[in-house]
Amino acid sequence: MTLITPVILCGGSGSRLWPASRESYPKQFLALAGDNSLFQDTLSRVTGAEFAKPIVVTGADYRFLVAEQVRSAGLVADLILEPFRRDSCAAITAAAAFASSRDADAILLVLAADHAIPDTASFLEHVRRGLAAAETGRIVTFGIMPTSPATGYGYIRPGADLAGIDGVAEIAAFVEKPDRTTAQSYVAGGYLWNSGNFLFSAKVFLDEVERLAPAIAGPARRAVAGATRDLDFLRLDEAAFAEAEAKSVDYAVMEKSRLAAVVPSDFQWSDIGAWSAIWDLAEKDADGNAARGDAAFLETTGSYVHSPDVLTALVGVKDLVVVTTRDAVLVADRTRSEDVKKLVGQLIAQKRREATEHMRMYRPWGAYERIDLGGRYQVKRITVSPGSKLSLQSHFHRAEHWIVVSGTARVTVDDTVTVLTENQSIYVPLGAVHRMENPGKIPLEMIEVQSGAYLGEDDIVRYEDVYNRA
């Protein structure tokens, strides 16, 4: 039996789902459509006997988030790090070159990490249909049968059925995101939503990229050939990858290739491109309202609330999206939720920290969350995972006071090592070389009080770091 190697693309900032999704912790890592994150749901769909070990392509900034979510799902994956974003074609080409170097006959299933597909059995049935075409040398995509004249998706016009392969058709045309009137005509004409997921032989795909997009093929191949190992990650060669043209796989390959084919698919699918898509997927009450977190509705219809931390109540409104976080609140007309991306762009132009950073920031050793910030002080809640340690470091501009709330801390301050338990504390003077680690089996929870003239995260000199950070 041919094993399919999943390739999961795990980049992107998910700005349309702000403020829950931000560049520091984007939507693929959030639990928006179930108990697990979208990335973990994607992994779980491709872990059966039909699949080989997955390949995950992500950016260096997300490497530890990806590794932790793979680990917590009980899985193992090859983790490829892009030095910077070069759009989907370069990422897929690098994954195909890596897979081909291990197995010349590899068949790849390329999936976005942030799509929702509730019915795994139906999805796998469509993958099997596509596999029959991929094994004959076709580059297959999955076209979703529309449930509405959506304007947020590109469309595919299917052509004639492939001879001898049930459920797969040639592609007559790819078309861009339409206006509503055009979208209505596309739906009436049997067009399909372009899902952006693919199935193909690595060799066939690489040959097509070489023929149609050599400015991507060569640099991506060289980036894999010159890749280096860093802990559990494979870092693509930066100089080579920088030469790759930034272009989507649709523009670079699919729209030009004579090998392109489509599986018309009727499984439920969403790219979770806006808060309205979350509302579409969610279970609703009799008034069409849905919520994740703590919410109350009175004389309200057709609305969605995302509020994991505080009670959010809506009275006498309709068709709203309300997203509440600790440092930002979004209120939007549900039918205009795709415009949130424009709002985020405005906030970035205003240099608002809330546009890209959460109050809770994740690190390879755990996480920290800012509680308070003043002119010369900052208070954080810090969580250190069992067996993890912060880097050995010092600061030029601040001193720190650490109070253990729960768990056990082993603290190094210059030449002194101290073990602290609940309700004990220690002072770290300005300039002292120090480290915090958790030698225990439960998370270490502590409060950090910083004081000094400058409290930025870049005031760190690292002398030793098990995570190879600069």
Foldseek 3Di string as FASTA:
>chain_A
DAAAAEEEEEEDQLLLAPPVTFRLHGQLQDDLQDDGGLLLVVVVLADDPRHDAYEYEYAPSCVLVVVVSCVVSVGDHAYEHEPDAQAAPLRVLLVLLVVCVVPVFHKYKYYYSQKDFPDSVQVVVLVVLVVVLQVVLFKEFAFEQDPALDQPFKKWDFDACDPPRPQKTFTPATGHRDPSVVSVVCNVNRITTGRLIIIHTSVSSLVQCCVQPVQSSFLSNQQNVPWDDAPSHTYGDNVSNVSRHRDYCCVRGQRPDRRYMYRHGHGDMDSCSHVLVSLVSADADPQSEGEDDAEEEECEHNEYEYENDDYDYDYNYYQWYWYDDPPDIDIDRNVCSNCSSVVLVVCVVVVPPSSHDDQWGADSQGIKGWDDDDQFKTKIKDKGAAPGKFFFKAFQWKKKKKAWQAAWKWKDWAPDTDIDGHGDMDIHDHGTGMMIHGNDHGITIMMMMMGGNDDDPVRIDGDGDPNPDD
